């Protein structure tokens, strides 16, 4: 099982390998649109108006999932290795260690398809909690791909955690 340093090295290497490339147009544009819409509905149900809210997308690549959130008036930020985020987000760094100590707290943190990639999901959630306002929220989304047999993965170190609805809620 990879440790946190292994995974950090992997994603840093991947970002160097793709640095300077423009984001590929998504072949899953309808799927991404549905994901954005679902997330936006759930987040607005929890937080109400997003105008003036501070939203952190942790692990959000170029921040494209935040488009609808930004269009609702939120200030959106991303933490990921991609040095070229979308125009509607501000990149704060590659990892949580890059964040300034005096960073203002967030109203929402989005972890969309992140927890299955990290060595310590509970530790990550604890770190994220410290970045939130007392009434802040976390939106998390993971694939539910492991029901009867393990999935066949295209690369050796990608999903290191597998969730079911009950394991995710614990």
Protein backbone atom coordinates (compact mmCIF):
# COMPACT_ATOMS: atom_id res chain seq x y z
CA UNK A 1 0.00 0.00 0.00
CA UNK A 2 1.49 3.39 -0.94
CA UNK A 3 2.21 5.80 1.87
CA UNK A 4 1.51 9.57 1.71
CA UNK A 5 4.98 10.32 0.36
CA UNK A 6 4.55 7.75 -2.44
CA UNK A 7 1.27 9.31 -3.51
CA UNK A 8 2.60 12.86 -3.28
CA UNK A 9 5.53 11.85 -5.49
CA UNK A 10 3.19 10.15 -7.97
CA UNK A 11 0.94 13.18 -8.41
CA UNK A 12 3.88 15.60 -8.54
CA UNK A 13 5.45 13.43 -11.27
CA UNK A 14 2.17 13.30 -13.20
CA UNK A 15 1.81 17.08 -13.03
CA UNK A 16 5.36 17.60 -14.33
CA UNK A 17 4.66 15.17 -17.15
CA UNK A 18 1.60 17.15 -18.26
CA UNK A 19 2.83 20.67 -17.37
CA UNK A 20 2.27 23.20 -20.11
CA UNK A 21 -0.46 21.17 -21.80
CA UNK A 22 -3.85 22.71 -22.18
CA UNK A 23 -6.65 20.75 -20.58
CA UNK A 24 -8.14 18.26 -22.98
CA UNK A 25 -11.78 18.85 -23.84
CA UNK A 26 -13.70 16.32 -21.81
CA UNK A 27 -15.28 13.43 -23.64
CA UNK A 28 -17.57 13.18 -20.60
CA UNK A 29 -18.99 16.71 -20.86
CA UNK A 30 -22.63 15.61 -20.24
CA UNK A 31 -21.49 13.56 -17.24
CA UNK A 32 -19.46 16.48 -15.88
CA UNK A 33 -22.46 18.78 -16.32
CA UNK A 34 -24.64 16.37 -14.32
CA UNK A 35 -21.98 16.15 -11.59
CA UNK A 36 -21.77 19.95 -11.41
CA UNK A 37 -25.54 20.27 -11.22
CA UNK A 38 -25.91 17.60 -8.52
CA UNK A 39 -23.14 19.11 -6.43
CA UNK A 40 -24.56 22.62 -6.80
CA UNK A 41 -28.07 21.49 -5.73
CA UNK A 42 -26.74 19.68 -2.64
CA UNK A 43 -24.41 22.51 -1.66
CA UNK A 44 -27.11 25.18 -2.02
CA UNK A 45 -29.48 23.04 0.05
CA UNK A 46 -26.87 23.04 2.85
CA UNK A 47 -25.45 26.57 2.53
CA UNK A 48 -28.22 28.56 0.85
CA UNK A 49 -26.93 31.39 -1.29
CA UNK A 50 -23.35 30.95 -2.44
CA UNK A 51 -22.79 34.65 -3.03
CA UNK A 52 -19.70 35.75 -1.13
CA UNK A 53 -18.93 32.24 0.15
CA UNK A 54 -15.35 30.93 0.09
CA UNK A 55 -15.05 27.50 -1.51
CA UNK A 56 -11.99 25.26 -1.62
CA UNK A 57 -11.80 22.50 -4.23
CA UNK A 58 -9.16 20.13 -2.87
CA UNK A 59 -7.78 17.81 -5.54
CA UNK A 60 -9.90 19.49 -8.20
CA UNK A 61 -7.36 19.46 -11.04
CA UNK A 62 -8.04 22.69 -12.95
CA UNK A 63 -11.13 23.67 -10.94
CA UNK A 64 -13.64 23.04 -13.72
CA UNK A 65 -16.17 21.54 -11.27
CA UNK A 66 -16.38 24.97 -9.59
CA UNK A 67 -17.79 26.80 -12.60
CA UNK A 68 -21.41 26.75 -11.42
CA UNK A 69 -20.35 27.62 -7.86
CA UNK A 70 -18.38 30.62 -9.14
CA UNK A 71 -21.31 31.67 -11.33
CA UNK A 72 -23.42 31.75 -8.13
CA UNK A 73 -21.05 34.39 -6.71
CA UNK A 74 -18.67 32.27 -4.61
CA UNK A 75 -14.93 32.89 -4.42
CA UNK A 76 -13.42 29.59 -5.56
CA UNK A 77 -9.96 28.21 -4.85
CA UNK A 78 -8.23 25.00 -5.87
CA UNK A 79 -5.40 22.95 -4.39
CA UNK A 80 -3.85 20.61 -6.93
CA UNK A 81 -0.64 20.08 -8.85
CA UNK A 82 -2.05 21.64 -12.04
CA UNK A 83 -0.42 25.06 -12.36
CA UNK A 84 -2.96 26.28 -14.94
CA UNK A 85 -6.41 26.44 -13.36
CA UNK A 86 -9.61 27.64 -14.99
CA UNK A 87 -10.20 31.39 -14.89
CA UNK A 88 -12.94 31.14 -12.23
CA UNK A 89 -10.68 29.62 -9.55
CA UNK A 90 -7.54 30.78 -7.76
CA UNK A 91 -4.85 28.15 -7.29
CA UNK A 92 -3.46 28.13 -3.74
CA UNK A 93 -0.82 25.42 -4.21
CA UNK A 94 -0.24 21.75 -4.84
CA UNK A 95 -0.90 20.39 -1.35
CA UNK A 96 -2.36 21.57 1.96
CA UNK A 97 1.21 22.19 3.14
CA UNK A 98 1.41 25.03 0.57
CA UNK A 99 -1.44 27.00 2.15
CA UNK A 100 -0.51 30.16 4.07
CA UNK A 101 -0.94 29.97 7.84
CA UNK A 102 -3.15 33.07 7.89
CA UNK A 103 -5.58 31.79 5.25
CA UNK A 104 -9.17 32.83 5.99
CA UNK A 105 -11.48 29.90 6.67
CA UNK A 106 -13.72 28.41 4.01
CA UNK A 107 -17.48 27.95 3.96
CA UNK A 108 -17.19 24.78 1.89
CA UNK A 109 -14.56 22.27 0.86
CA UNK A 110 -15.19 20.03 -2.13
CA UNK A 111 -13.50 16.62 -2.27
CA UNK A 112 -14.78 15.20 -5.54
CA UNK A 113 -13.17 11.88 -6.40
CA UNK A 114 -10.28 12.51 -4.00
CA UNK A 115 -10.68 10.24 -0.97
CA UNK A 116 -10.10 7.09 -3.03
CA UNK A 117 -6.64 8.43 -4.00
CA UNK A 118 -5.18 9.38 -0.61
CA UNK A 119 -3.25 7.24 1.86
CA UNK A 120 -5.13 8.55 4.90
CA UNK A 121 -8.67 9.74 4.11
CA UNK A 122 -9.57 10.29 7.78
CA UNK A 123 -6.42 12.37 8.30
CA UNK A 124 -7.20 14.43 5.20
CA UNK A 125 -10.74 15.10 6.42
CA UNK A 126 -9.37 16.19 9.81
CA UNK A 127 -6.99 18.62 8.07
CA UNK A 128 -9.80 19.95 5.89
CA UNK A 129 -12.03 20.47 8.93
CA UNK A 130 -9.46 22.86 10.38
CA UNK A 131 -9.75 25.00 7.23
CA UNK A 132 -13.51 25.43 7.57
CA UNK A 133 -15.61 27.98 9.42
CA UNK A 134 -17.45 26.45 12.40
CA UNK A 135 -20.62 26.19 10.30
CA UNK A 136 -18.67 25.09 7.20
CA UNK A 137 -19.44 21.99 5.16
CA UNK A 138 -17.63 19.32 3.18
CA UNK A 139 -18.97 17.95 -0.08
CA UNK A 140 -17.44 14.57 -0.82
CA UNK A 141 -17.97 12.29 -3.78
CA UNK A 142 -16.34 8.91 -4.39
CA UNK A 143 -16.89 6.16 -6.95
CA UNK A 144 -18.87 3.17 -5.70
CA UNK A 145 -17.00 0.74 -7.92
CA UNK A 146 -16.18 -2.14 -5.58
CA UNK A 147 -19.30 -4.16 -4.87
CA UNK A 148 -18.69 -7.81 -5.76
CA UNK A 149 -15.20 -7.91 -7.28
CA UNK A 150 -12.22 -5.57 -7.37
CA UNK A 151 -12.16 -3.28 -10.38
CA UNK A 152 -9.50 -3.63 -13.06
CA UNK A 153 -7.35 -0.52 -12.91
CA UNK A 154 -5.37 0.97 -15.77
CA UNK A 155 -2.47 2.00 -13.55
CA UNK A 156 -1.04 0.37 -10.45
CA UNK A 157 -1.40 3.25 -8.01
CA UNK A 158 -4.64 5.08 -8.55
CA UNK A 159 -7.49 4.15 -6.22
CA UNK A 160 -6.05 2.98 -2.92
CA UNK A 161 -9.36 3.15 -1.03
CA UNK A 162 -12.69 1.66 -1.99
CA UNK A 163 -15.99 2.73 -0.46
CA UNK A 164 -19.53 1.55 -0.07
CA UNK A 165 -22.28 3.88 1.19
CA UNK A 166 -21.89 2.54 4.74
CA UNK A 167 -18.08 2.69 4.83
CA UNK A 168 -18.10 6.27 3.53
CA UNK A 169 -20.50 7.42 6.22
CA UNK A 170 -18.32 6.15 9.09
